Amino acid sequence: MSDEATKGIEDWRRKIDEIDRRLVELLNERSRCALAIGQLKRRHDITIYQPDREGQVLENAERANHGPLSDTAIRRLFERVLDEARSLERQERNETPADQKSS
C-alpha cells in the first residue's frame, strides 16, 4: 500500500474513532434518560414495555435517516438500542426478562 493510501486510511480511521467516542457518549446520555423514565414508570406502576412509544422512536429514527444506511438498517440499530434500554429498566427493577413479559 502506498504512503498516500496509508495516510488517507489512517485519517479516516481517526475520524471514525472520534465519531465512535461521541456515539458512546450519546448512547450513555440516552441511557441515563431512559433510566430516569424507568424510575418514573416504577413510581407510577407503569409497565416497562411501551409498544406505542417504541413505534414512535423507530418512526422518528427512520424519518431522520438520509442515508447511506437504509431505513431497515436504522430500524435494526434502534431496536437494539431500545432493547438495551428495557434491559437497564429491568435491572433497575431487579426483574428478569420473564418477569417483564408478564407486566
PDB file of N, CA and C in Angstrom:
ATOM      1  N   MET A   1       0.859  -1.176   0.000  1.00  0.00           N
ATOM      2  CA  MET A   1       0.000   0.000   0.000  1.00  0.00           C
ATOM      3  C   MET A   1       0.903   1.235   0.000  1.00  0.00           C
ATOM      4  N   SER A   2       0.508   2.228  -0.750  1.00  0.00           N
ATOM      5  CA  SER A   2       1.313   3.449  -0.846  1.00  0.00           C
ATOM      6  C   SER A   2       1.200   4.273   0.437  1.00  0.00           C
ATOM      7  N   ASP A   3       2.199   5.129   0.642  1.00  0.00           N
ATOM      8  CA  ASP A   3       2.174   6.015   1.813  1.00  0.00           C
ATOM      9  C   ASP A   3       0.939   6.915   1.800  1.00  0.00           C
ATOM     10  N   GLU A   4       0.563   7.375   0.595  1.00  0.00           N
ATOM     11  CA  GLU A   4      -0.610   8.253   0.478  1.00  0.00           C
ATOM     12  C   GLU A   4      -1.890   7.511   0.886  1.00  0.00           C
ATOM     13  N   ALA A   5      -2.023   6.269   0.432  1.00  0.00           N
ATOM     14  CA  ALA A   5      -3.202   5.473   0.800  1.00  0.00           C
ATOM     15  C   ALA A   5      -3.218   5.195   2.296  1.00  0.00           C
ATOM     16  N   THR A   6      -2.060   4.838   2.846  1.00  0.00           N
ATOM     17  CA  THR A   6      -1.969   4.559   4.276  1.00  0.00           C
ATOM     18  C   THR A   6      -2.358   5.783   5.085  1.00  0.00           C
ATOM     19  N   LYS A   7      -1.849   6.955   4.704  1.00  0.00           N
ATOM     20  CA  LYS A   7      -2.175   8.196   5.417  1.00  0.00           C
ATOM     21  C   LYS A   7      -3.666   8.506   5.302  1.00  0.00           C
ATOM     22  N   GLY A   8      -4.215   8.334   4.111  1.00  0.00           N
ATOM     23  CA  GLY A   8      -5.638   8.601   3.907  1.00  0.00           C
ATOM     24  C   GLY A   8      -6.505   7.682   4.750  1.00  0.00           C
ATOM     25  N   ILE A   9      -6.145   6.408   4.787  1.00  0.00           N
ATOM     26  CA  ILE A   9      -6.908   5.451   5.588  1.00  0.00           C
ATOM     27  C   ILE A   9      -6.805   5.792   7.068  1.00  0.00           C
ATOM     28  N   GLU A  10      -5.616   6.114   7.522  1.00  0.00           N
ATOM     29  CA  GLU A  10      -5.424   6.471   8.935  1.00  0.00           C
ATOM     30  C   GLU A  10      -6.210   7.720   9.300  1.00  0.00           C
ATOM     31  N   ASP A  11      -6.261   8.693   8.399  1.00  0.00           N
ATOM     32  CA  ASP A  11      -7.059   9.900   8.654  1.00  0.00           C
ATOM     33  C   ASP A  11      -8.535   9.546   8.832  1.00  0.00           C
ATOM     34  N   TRP A  12      -9.069   8.700   7.947  1.00  0.00           N
ATOM     35  CA  TRP A  12     -10.470   8.291   8.056  1.00  0.00           C
ATOM     36  C   TRP A  12     -10.703   7.483   9.322  1.00  0.00           C
ATOM     37  N   ARG A  13      -9.746   6.633   9.681  1.00  0.00           N
ATOM     38  CA  ARG A  13      -9.905   5.825  10.894  1.00  0.00           C
ATOM     39  C   ARG A  13      -9.905   6.696  12.143  1.00  0.00           C
ATOM     40  N   ARG A  14      -9.084   7.743  12.165  1.00  0.00           N
ATOM     41  CA  ARG A  14      -9.099   8.668  13.307  1.00  0.00           C
ATOM     42  C   ARG A  14     -10.463   9.350  13.410  1.00  0.00           C
ATOM     43  N   LYS A  15     -11.009   9.722  12.270  1.00  0.00           N
ATOM     44  CA  LYS A  15     -12.338  10.350  12.264  1.00  0.00           C
ATOM     45  C   LYS A  15     -13.387   9.363  12.789  1.00  0.00           C
ATOM     46  N   ILE A  16     -13.321   8.118  12.336  1.00  0.00           N
ATOM     47  CA  ILE A  16     -14.254   7.097  12.812  1.00  0.00           C
ATOM     48  C   ILE A  16     -14.102   6.888  14.314  1.00  0.00           C
ATOM     49  N   ASP A  17     -12.868   6.845  14.806  1.00  0.00           N
ATOM     50  CA  ASP A  17     -12.641   6.676  16.243  1.00  0.00           C
ATOM     51  C   ASP A  17     -13.276   7.810  17.041  1.00  0.00           C
ATOM     52  N   GLU A  18     -13.164   9.032  16.547  1.00  0.00           N
ATOM     53  CA  GLU A  18     -13.776  10.178  17.229  1.00  0.00           C
ATOM     54  C   GLU A  18     -15.304  10.073  17.193  1.00  0.00           C
ATOM     55  N   ILE A  19     -15.859   9.702  16.061  1.00  0.00           N
ATOM     56  CA  ILE A  19     -17.308   9.525  15.954  1.00  0.00           C
ATOM     57  C   ILE A  19     -17.769   8.431  16.909  1.00  0.00           C
ATOM     58  N   ASP A  20     -17.018   7.329  16.976  1.00  0.00           N
ATOM     59  CA  ASP A  20     -17.370   6.245  17.902  1.00  0.00           C
ATOM     60  C   ASP A  20     -17.382   6.733  19.341  1.00  0.00           C
ATOM     61  N   ARG A  21     -16.422   7.556  19.737  1.00  0.00           N
ATOM     62  CA  ARG A  21     -16.412   8.108  21.102  1.00  0.00           C
ATOM     63  C   ARG A  21     -17.658   8.950  21.345  1.00  0.00           C
ATOM     64  N   ARG A  22     -18.018   9.757  20.356  1.00  0.00           N
ATOM     65  CA  ARG A  22     -19.215  10.585  20.501  1.00  0.00           C
ATOM     66  C   ARG A  22     -20.476   9.725  20.579  1.00  0.00           C
ATOM     67  N   LEU A  23     -20.525   8.664  19.760  1.00  0.00           N
ATOM     68  CA  LEU A  23     -21.671   7.758  19.812  1.00  0.00           C
ATOM     69  C   LEU A  23     -21.814   7.130  21.190  1.00  0.00           C
ATOM     70  N   VAL A  24     -20.704   6.707  21.763  1.00  0.00           N
ATOM     71  CA  VAL A  24     -20.742   6.113  23.108  1.00  0.00           C
ATOM     72  C   VAL A  24     -21.262   7.134  24.111  1.00  0.00           C
ATOM     73  N   GLU A  25     -20.787   8.366  24.031  1.00  0.00           N
ATOM     74  CA  GLU A  25     -21.274   9.419  24.929  1.00  0.00           C
ATOM     75  C   GLU A  25     -22.783   9.612  24.768  1.00  0.00           C
ATOM     76  N   LEU A  26     -23.241   9.692  23.525  1.00  0.00           N
ATOM     77  CA  LEU A  26     -24.664   9.910  23.268  1.00  0.00           C
ATOM     78  C   LEU A  26     -25.512   8.714  23.708  1.00  0.00           C
ATOM     79  N   LEU A  27     -25.023   7.500  23.471  1.00  0.00           N
ATOM     80  CA  LEU A  27     -25.765   6.319  23.904  1.00  0.00           C
ATOM     81  C   LEU A  27     -25.873   6.271  25.422  1.00  0.00           C
ATOM     82  N   ASN A  28     -24.814   6.651  26.115  1.00  0.00           N
ATOM     83  CA  ASN A  28     -24.882   6.681  27.577  1.00  0.00           C
ATOM     84  C   ASN A  28     -25.787   7.799  28.071  1.00  0.00           C
ATOM     85  N   GLU A  29     -25.777   8.937  27.412  1.00  0.00           N
ATOM     86  CA  GLU A  29     -26.686  10.020  27.777  1.00  0.00           C
ATOM     87  C   GLU A  29     -28.138   9.573  27.568  1.00  0.00           C
ATOM     88  N   ARG A  30     -28.393   8.897  26.443  1.00  0.00           N
ATOM     89  CA  ARG A  30     -29.733   8.389  26.176  1.00  0.00           C
ATOM     90  C   ARG A  30     -30.145   7.381  27.247  1.00  0.00           C
ATOM     91  N   SER A  31     -29.204   6.536  27.644  1.00  0.00           N
ATOM     92  CA  SER A  31     -29.490   5.526  28.664  1.00  0.00           C
ATOM     93  C   SER A  31     -29.816   6.159  30.002  1.00  0.00           C
ATOM     94  N   ARG A  32     -29.125   7.246  30.351  1.00  0.00           N
ATOM     95  CA  ARG A  32     -29.455   7.948  31.597  1.00  0.00           C
ATOM     96  C   ARG A  32     -30.886   8.494  31.541  1.00  0.00           C
ATOM     97  N   CYS A  33     -31.280   8.998  30.380  1.00  0.00           N
ATOM     98  CA  CYS A  33     -32.664   9.476  30.217  1.00  0.00           C
ATOM     99  C   CYS A  33     -33.649   8.323  30.369  1.00  0.00           C
ATOM    100  N   ALA A  34     -33.337   7.185  29.756  1.00  0.00           N
ATOM    101  CA  ALA A  34     -34.211   6.014  29.857  1.00  0.00           C
ATOM    102  C   ALA A  34     -34.325   5.543  31.300  1.00  0.00           C
ATOM    103  N   LEU A  35     -33.225   5.596  32.047  1.00  0.00           N
ATOM    104  CA  LEU A  35     -33.279   5.209  33.457  1.00  0.00           C
ATOM    105  C   LEU A  35     -34.163   6.157  34.258  1.00  0.00           C
ATOM    106  N   ALA A  36     -34.094   7.444  33.953  1.00  0.00           N
ATOM    107  CA  ALA A  36     -34.955   8.414  34.644  1.00  0.00           C
ATOM    108  C   ALA A  36     -36.423   8.124  34.337  1.00  0.00           C
ATOM    109  N   ILE A  37     -36.719   7.807  33.082  1.00  0.00           N
ATOM    110  CA  ILE A  37     -38.085   7.442  32.712  1.00  0.00           C
ATOM    111  C   ILE A  37     -38.490   6.172  33.438  1.00  0.00           C
ATOM    112  N   GLY A  38     -37.568   5.214  33.516  1.00  0.00           N
ATOM    113  CA  GLY A  38     -37.847   3.960  34.214  1.00  0.00           C
ATOM    114  C   GLY A  38     -38.190   4.180  35.672  1.00  0.00           C
ATOM    115  N   GLN A  39     -37.513   5.129  36.316  1.00  0.00           N
ATOM    116  CA  GLN A  39     -37.821   5.429  37.715  1.00  0.00           C
ATOM    117  C   GLN A  39     -39.230   5.998  37.842  1.00  0.00           C
ATOM    118  N   LEU A  40     -39.595   6.875  36.912  1.00  0.00           N
ATOM    119  CA  LEU A  40     -40.959   7.416  36.925  1.00  0.00           C
ATOM    120  C   LEU A  40     -41.985   6.316  36.677  1.00  0.00           C
ATOM    121  N   LYS A  41     -41.698   5.432  35.730  1.00  0.00           N
ATOM    122  CA  LYS A  41     -42.614   4.319  35.466  1.00  0.00           C
ATOM    123  C   LYS A  41     -42.795   3.457  36.719  1.00  0.00           C
ATOM    124  N   ARG A  42     -41.685   3.181  37.393  1.00  0.00           N
ATOM    125  CA  ARG A  42     -41.755   2.343  38.596  1.00  0.00           C
ATOM    126  C   ARG A  42     -42.598   3.029  39.675  1.00  0.00           C
ATOM    127  N   ARG A  43     -42.352   4.331  39.899  1.00  0.00           N
ATOM    128  CA  ARG A  43     -43.104   5.071  40.923  1.00  0.00           C
ATOM    129  C   ARG A  43     -44.599   5.110  40.637  1.00  0.00           C
ATOM    130  N   HIS A  44     -44.941   5.120  39.356  1.00  0.00           N
ATOM    131  CA  HIS A  44     -46.350   5.238  38.969  1.00  0.00           C
ATOM    132  C   HIS A  44     -46.918   3.917  38.466  1.00  0.00           C
ATOM    133  N   ASP A  45     -46.175   2.830  38.721  1.00  0.00           N
ATOM    134  CA  ASP A  45     -46.618   1.480  38.374  1.00  0.00           C
ATOM    135  C   ASP A  45     -47.011   1.361  36.902  1.00  0.00           C
ATOM    136  N   ILE A  46     -46.120   1.832  36.035  1.00  0.00           N
ATOM    137  CA  ILE A  46     -46.310   1.754  34.582  1.00  0.00           C
ATOM    138  C   ILE A  46     -45.383   0.665  34.059  1.00  0.00           C
ATOM    139  N   THR A  47     -45.882  -0.156  33.155  1.00  0.00           N
ATOM    140  CA  THR A  47     -45.059  -1.247  32.619  1.00  0.00           C
ATOM    141  C   THR A  47     -43.870  -0.707  31.823  1.00  0.00           C
ATOM    142  N   ILE A  48     -42.813  -1.500  31.790  1.00  0.00           N
ATOM    143  CA  ILE A  48     -41.597  -1.119  31.072  1.00  0.00           C
ATOM    144  C   ILE A  48     -41.864  -1.033  29.575  1.00  0.00           C
ATOM    145  N   TYR A  49     -42.462  -2.080  29.036  1.00  0.00           N
ATOM    146  CA  TYR A  49     -42.650  -2.155  27.587  1.00  0.00           C
ATOM    147  C   TYR A  49     -43.795  -1.268  27.151  1.00  0.00           C
ATOM    148  N   GLN A  50     -43.482  -0.289  26.312  1.00  0.00           N
ATOM    149  CA  GLN A  50     -44.466   0.659  25.802  1.00  0.00           C
ATOM    150  C   GLN A  50     -44.415   0.603  24.266  1.00  0.00           C
ATOM    151  N   PRO A  51     -45.160  -0.320  23.647  1.00  0.00           N
ATOM    152  CA  PRO A  51     -45.041  -0.521  22.202  1.00  0.00           C
ATOM    153  C   PRO A  51     -45.356   0.717  21.370  1.00  0.00           C
ATOM    154  N   ASP A  52     -46.316   1.519  21.793  1.00  0.00           N
ATOM    155  CA  ASP A  52     -46.641   2.728  21.023  1.00  0.00           C
ATOM    156  C   ASP A  52     -45.453   3.691  20.989  1.00  0.00           C
ATOM    157  N   ARG A  53     -44.829   3.891  22.143  1.00  0.00           N
ATOM    158  CA  ARG A  53     -43.678   4.795  22.206  1.00  0.00           C
ATOM    159  C   ARG A  53     -42.509   4.240  21.391  1.00  0.00           C
ATOM    160  N   GLU A  54     -42.280   2.939  21.501  1.00  0.00           N
ATOM    161  CA  GLU A  54     -41.183   2.352  20.734  1.00  0.00           C
ATOM    162  C   GLU A  54     -41.435   2.509  19.239  1.00  0.00           C
ATOM    163  N   GLY A  55     -42.674   2.372  18.821  1.00  0.00           N
ATOM    164  CA  GLY A  55     -43.016   2.603  17.417  1.00  0.00           C
ATOM    165  C   GLY A  55     -42.706   4.026  16.998  1.00  0.00           C
ATOM    166  N   GLN A  56     -43.013   4.986  17.873  1.00  0.00           N
ATOM    167  CA  GLN A  56     -42.703   6.389  17.581  1.00  0.00           C
ATOM    168  C   GLN A  56     -41.199   6.603  17.440  1.00  0.00           C
ATOM    169  N   VAL A  57     -40.426   5.997  18.340  1.00  0.00           N
ATOM    170  CA  VAL A  57     -38.969   6.143  18.294  1.00  0.00           C
ATOM    171  C   VAL A  57     -38.433   5.603  16.967  1.00  0.00           C
ATOM    172  N   LEU A  58     -38.920   4.434  16.563  1.00  0.00           N
ATOM    173  CA  LEU A  58     -38.455   3.841  15.304  1.00  0.00           C
ATOM    174  C   LEU A  58     -38.855   4.690  14.102  1.00  0.00           C
ATOM    175  N   GLU A  59     -40.081   5.187  14.113  1.00  0.00           N
ATOM    176  CA  GLU A  59     -40.533   6.064  13.026  1.00  0.00           C
ATOM    177  C   GLU A  59     -39.705   7.344  12.971  1.00  0.00           C
ATOM    178  N   ASN A  60     -39.423   7.939  14.136  1.00  0.00           N
ATOM    179  CA  ASN A  60     -38.604   9.151  14.184  1.00  0.00           C
ATOM    180  C   ASN A  60     -37.205   8.900  13.635  1.00  0.00           C
ATOM    181  N   ALA A  61     -36.628   7.756  13.995  1.00  0.00           N
ATOM    182  CA  ALA A  61     -35.280   7.426  13.521  1.00  0.00           C
ATOM    183  C   ALA A  61     -35.274   7.261  12.008  1.00  0.00           C
ATOM    184  N   GLU A  62     -36.268   6.571  11.484  1.00  0.00           N
ATOM    185  CA  GLU A  62     -36.338   6.391  10.032  1.00  0.00           C
ATOM    186  C   GLU A  62     -36.562   7.724   9.325  1.00  0.00           C
ATOM    187  N   ARG A  63     -37.391   8.564   9.895  1.00  0.00           N
ATOM    188  CA  ARG A  63     -37.673   9.871   9.295  1.00  0.00           C
ATOM    189  C   ARG A  63     -36.408  10.740   9.268  1.00  0.00           C
ATOM    190  N   ALA A  64     -35.564  10.594  10.272  1.00  0.00           N
ATOM    191  CA  ALA A  64     -34.326  11.385  10.346  1.00  0.00           C
ATOM    192  C   ALA A  64     -33.228  10.822   9.444  1.00  0.00           C
ATOM    193  N   ASN A  65     -33.426   9.627   8.942  1.00  0.00           N
ATOM    194  CA  ASN A  65     -32.395   8.961   8.149  1.00  0.00           C
ATOM    195  C   ASN A  65     -32.322   9.533   6.732  1.00  0.00           C
ATOM    196  N   HIS A  66     -31.123   9.926   6.352  1.00  0.00           N
ATOM    197  CA  HIS A  66     -30.883  10.411   4.992  1.00  0.00           C
ATOM    198  C   HIS A  66     -29.762   9.626   4.323  1.00  0.00           C
ATOM    199  N   GLY A  67     -29.498   8.402   4.821  1.00  0.00           N
ATOM    200  CA  GLY A  67     -28.523   7.519   4.207  1.00  0.00           C
ATOM    201  C   GLY A  67     -27.097   7.889   4.521  1.00  0.00           C
ATOM    202  N   PRO A  68     -26.194   7.029   4.189  1.00  0.00           N
ATOM    203  CA  PRO A  68     -26.336   5.908   3.272  1.00  0.00           C
ATOM    204  C   PRO A  68     -26.938   4.644   3.895  1.00  0.00           C
ATOM    205  N   LEU A  69     -27.145   4.610   5.217  1.00  0.00           N
ATOM    206  CA  LEU A  69     -27.793   3.439   5.808  1.00  0.00           C
ATOM    207  C   LEU A  69     -29.254   3.387   5.370  1.00  0.00           C
ATOM    208  N   SER A  70     -29.737   2.186   5.125  1.00  0.00           N
ATOM    209  CA  SER A  70     -31.143   2.008   4.756  1.00  0.00           C
ATOM    210  C   SER A  70     -32.019   2.204   5.989  1.00  0.00           C
ATOM    211  N   ASP A  71     -33.299   2.459   5.754  1.00  0.00           N
ATOM    212  CA  ASP A  71     -34.243   2.557   6.866  1.00  0.00           C
ATOM    213  C   ASP A  71     -34.278   1.254   7.654  1.00  0.00           C
ATOM    214  N   THR A  72     -34.149   0.140   6.966  1.00  0.00           N
ATOM    215  CA  THR A  72     -34.138  -1.160   7.639  1.00  0.00           C
ATOM    216  C   THR A  72     -32.946  -1.259   8.584  1.00  0.00           C
ATOM    217  N   ALA A  73     -31.791  -0.799   8.146  1.00  0.00           N
ATOM    218  CA  ALA A  73     -30.594  -0.839   8.995  1.00  0.00           C
ATOM    219  C   ALA A  73     -30.773   0.071  10.207  1.00  0.00           C
ATOM    220  N   ILE A  74     -31.311   1.262   9.988  1.00  0.00           N
ATOM    221  CA  ILE A  74     -31.557   2.199  11.092  1.00  0.00           C
ATOM    222  C   ILE A  74     -32.535   1.578  12.081  1.00  0.00           C
ATOM    223  N   ARG A  75     -33.582   0.969  11.573  1.00  0.00           N
ATOM    224  CA  ARG A  75     -34.579   0.323  12.441  1.00  0.00           C
ATOM    225  C   ARG A  75     -33.921  -0.767  13.285  1.00  0.00           C
ATOM    226  N   ARG A  76     -33.082  -1.599  12.674  1.00  0.00           N
ATOM    227  CA  ARG A  76     -32.410  -2.664  13.436  1.00  0.00           C
ATOM    228  C   ARG A  76     -31.520  -2.080  14.522  1.00  0.00           C
ATOM    229  N   LEU A  77     -30.776  -1.029  14.206  1.00  0.00           N
ATOM    230  CA  LEU A  77     -29.908  -0.403  15.206  1.00  0.00           C
ATOM    231  C   LEU A  77     -30.725   0.146  16.369  1.00  0.00           C
ATOM    232  N   PHE A  78     -31.800   0.841  16.049  1.00  0.00           N
ATOM    233  CA  PHE A  78     -32.617   1.425  17.115  1.00  0.00           C
ATOM    234  C   PHE A  78     -33.391   0.367  17.894  1.00  0.00           C
ATOM    235  N   GLU A  79     -33.773  -0.718  17.254  1.00  0.00           N
ATOM    236  CA  GLU A  79     -34.408  -1.812  18.002  1.00  0.00           C
ATOM    237  C   GLU A  79     -33.445  -2.341  19.060  1.00  0.00           C
ATOM    238  N   ARG A  80     -32.178  -2.418  18.710  1.00  0.00           N
ATOM    239  CA  ARG A  80     -31.172  -2.883  19.677  1.00  0.00           C
ATOM    240  C   ARG A  80     -31.010  -1.868  20.810  1.00  0.00           C
ATOM    241  N   VAL A  81     -30.984  -0.579  20.476  1.00  0.00           N
ATOM    242  CA  VAL A  81     -30.874   0.475  21.492  1.00  0.00           C
ATOM    243  C   VAL A  81     -32.066   0.384  22.444  1.00  0.00           C
ATOM    244  N   LEU A  82     -33.258   0.210  21.899  1.00  0.00           N
ATOM    245  CA  LEU A  82     -34.459   0.099  22.736  1.00  0.00           C
ATOM    246  C   LEU A  82     -34.407  -1.148  23.614  1.00  0.00           C
ATOM    247  N   ASP A  83     -33.921  -2.236  23.061  1.00  0.00           N
ATOM    248  CA  ASP A  83     -33.791  -3.467  23.828  1.00  0.00           C
ATOM    249  C   ASP A  83     -32.850  -3.265  25.015  1.00  0.00           C
ATOM    250  N   GLU A  84     -31.747  -2.575  24.792  1.00  0.00           N
ATOM    251  CA  GLU A  84     -30.802  -2.307  25.881  1.00  0.00           C
ATOM    252  C   GLU A  84     -31.414  -1.372  26.919  1.00  0.00           C
ATOM    253  N   ALA A  85     -32.221  -0.411  26.484  1.00  0.00           N
ATOM    254  CA  ALA A  85     -32.887   0.495  27.429  1.00  0.00           C
ATOM    255  C   ALA A  85     -33.859  -0.283  28.318  1.00  0.00           C
ATOM    256  N   ARG A  86     -34.626  -1.203  27.707  1.00  0.00           N
ATOM    257  CA  ARG A  86     -35.536  -2.040  28.512  1.00  0.00           C
ATOM    258  C   ARG A  86     -34.749  -2.895  29.494  1.00  0.00           C
ATOM    259  N   SER A  87     -33.618  -3.398  29.050  1.00  0.00           N
ATOM    260  CA  SER A  87     -32.770  -4.214  29.921  1.00  0.00           C
ATOM    261  C   SER A  87     -32.296  -3.400  31.126  1.00  0.00           C
ATOM    262  N   LEU A  88     -31.895  -2.163  30.904  1.00  0.00           N
ATOM    263  CA  LEU A  88     -31.494  -1.288  32.012  1.00  0.00           C
ATOM    264  C   LEU A  88     -32.647  -1.062  32.980  1.00  0.00           C
ATOM    265  N   GLU A  89     -33.834  -0.814  32.427  1.00  0.00           N
ATOM    266  CA  GLU A  89     -35.007  -0.599  33.277  1.00  0.00           C
ATOM    267  C   GLU A  89     -35.292  -1.843  34.114  1.00  0.00           C
ATOM    268  N   ARG A  90     -35.185  -3.026  33.497  1.00  0.00           N
ATOM    269  CA  ARG A  90     -35.409  -4.267  34.248  1.00  0.00           C
ATOM    270  C   ARG A  90     -34.374  -4.414  35.359  1.00  0.00           C
ATOM    271  N   GLN A  91     -33.125  -4.095  35.067  1.00  0.00           N
ATOM    272  CA  GLN A  91     -32.082  -4.178  36.089  1.00  0.00           C
ATOM    273  C   GLN A  91     -32.407  -3.257  37.250  1.00  0.00           C
ATOM    274  N   GLU A  92     -32.901  -2.076  36.945  1.00  0.00           N
ATOM    275  CA  GLU A  92     -33.294  -1.134  37.993  1.00  0.00           C
ATOM    276  C   GLU A  92     -34.413  -1.702  38.846  1.00  0.00           C
ATOM    277  N   ARG A  93     -35.311  -2.424  38.223  1.00  0.00           N
ATOM    278  CA  ARG A  93     -36.437  -3.019  38.948  1.00  0.00           C
ATOM    279  C   ARG A  93     -36.082  -4.392  39.502  1.00  0.00           C
ATOM    280  N   ASN A  94     -34.884  -4.859  39.185  1.00  0.00           N
ATOM    281  CA  ASN A  94     -34.443  -6.204  39.592  1.00  0.00           C
ATOM    282  C   ASN A  94     -35.381  -7.278  39.081  1.00  0.00           C
ATOM    283  N   GLU A  95     -35.832  -7.098  37.835  1.00  0.00           N
ATOM    284  CA  GLU A  95     -36.701  -8.075  37.207  1.00  0.00           C
ATOM    285  C   GLU A  95     -35.905  -8.898  36.216  1.00  0.00           C
ATOM    286  N   THR A  96     -36.365 -10.092  35.978  1.00  0.00           N
ATOM    287  CA  THR A  96     -35.805 -10.919  34.930  1.00  0.00           C
ATOM    288  C   THR A  96     -36.610 -10.672  33.667  1.00  0.00           C
ATOM    289  N   PRO A  97     -36.090 -11.040  32.477  1.00  0.00           N
ATOM    290  CA  PRO A  97     -36.893 -10.868  31.252  1.00  0.00           C
ATOM    291  C   PRO A  97     -38.249 -11.556  31.351  1.00  0.00           C
ATOM    292  N   ALA A  98     -38.320 -12.706  31.990  1.00  0.00           N
ATOM    293  CA  ALA A  98     -39.608 -13.404  32.127  1.00  0.00           C
ATOM    294  C   ALA A  98     -40.575 -12.585  32.971  1.00  0.00           C
ATOM    295  N   ASP A  99     -40.063 -11.934  34.032  1.00  0.00           N
ATOM    296  CA  ASP A  99     -40.922 -11.085  34.880  1.00  0.00           C
ATOM    297  C   ASP A  99     -41.479  -9.936  34.071  1.00  0.00           C
ATOM    298  N   GLN A 100     -40.637  -9.317  33.225  1.00  0.00           N
ATOM    299  CA  GLN A 100     -41.041  -8.147  32.460  1.00  0.00           C
ATOM    300  C   GLN A 100     -42.150  -8.498  31.471  1.00  0.00           C
ATOM    301  N   LYS A 101     -42.089  -9.674  30.852  1.00  0.00           N
ATOM    302  CA  LYS A 101     -43.091 -10.061  29.874  1.00  0.00           C
ATOM    303  C   LYS A 101     -44.472 -10.157  30.490  1.00  0.00           C
ATOM    304  N   SER A 102     -44.542 -10.519  31.764  1.00  0.00           N
ATOM    305  CA  SER A 102     -45.846 -10.638  32.406  1.00  0.00           C
ATOM    306  C   SER A 102     -46.392  -9.303  32.858  1.00  0.00           C
ATOM    307  N   SER A 103     -45.584  -8.258  32.777  1.00  0.00           N
ATOM    308  CA  SER A 103     -46.044  -6.922  33.206  1.00  0.00           C
ATOM    309  C   SER A 103     -47.036  -6.336  32.244  1.00  0.00           C
TER     310      SER A 103
END
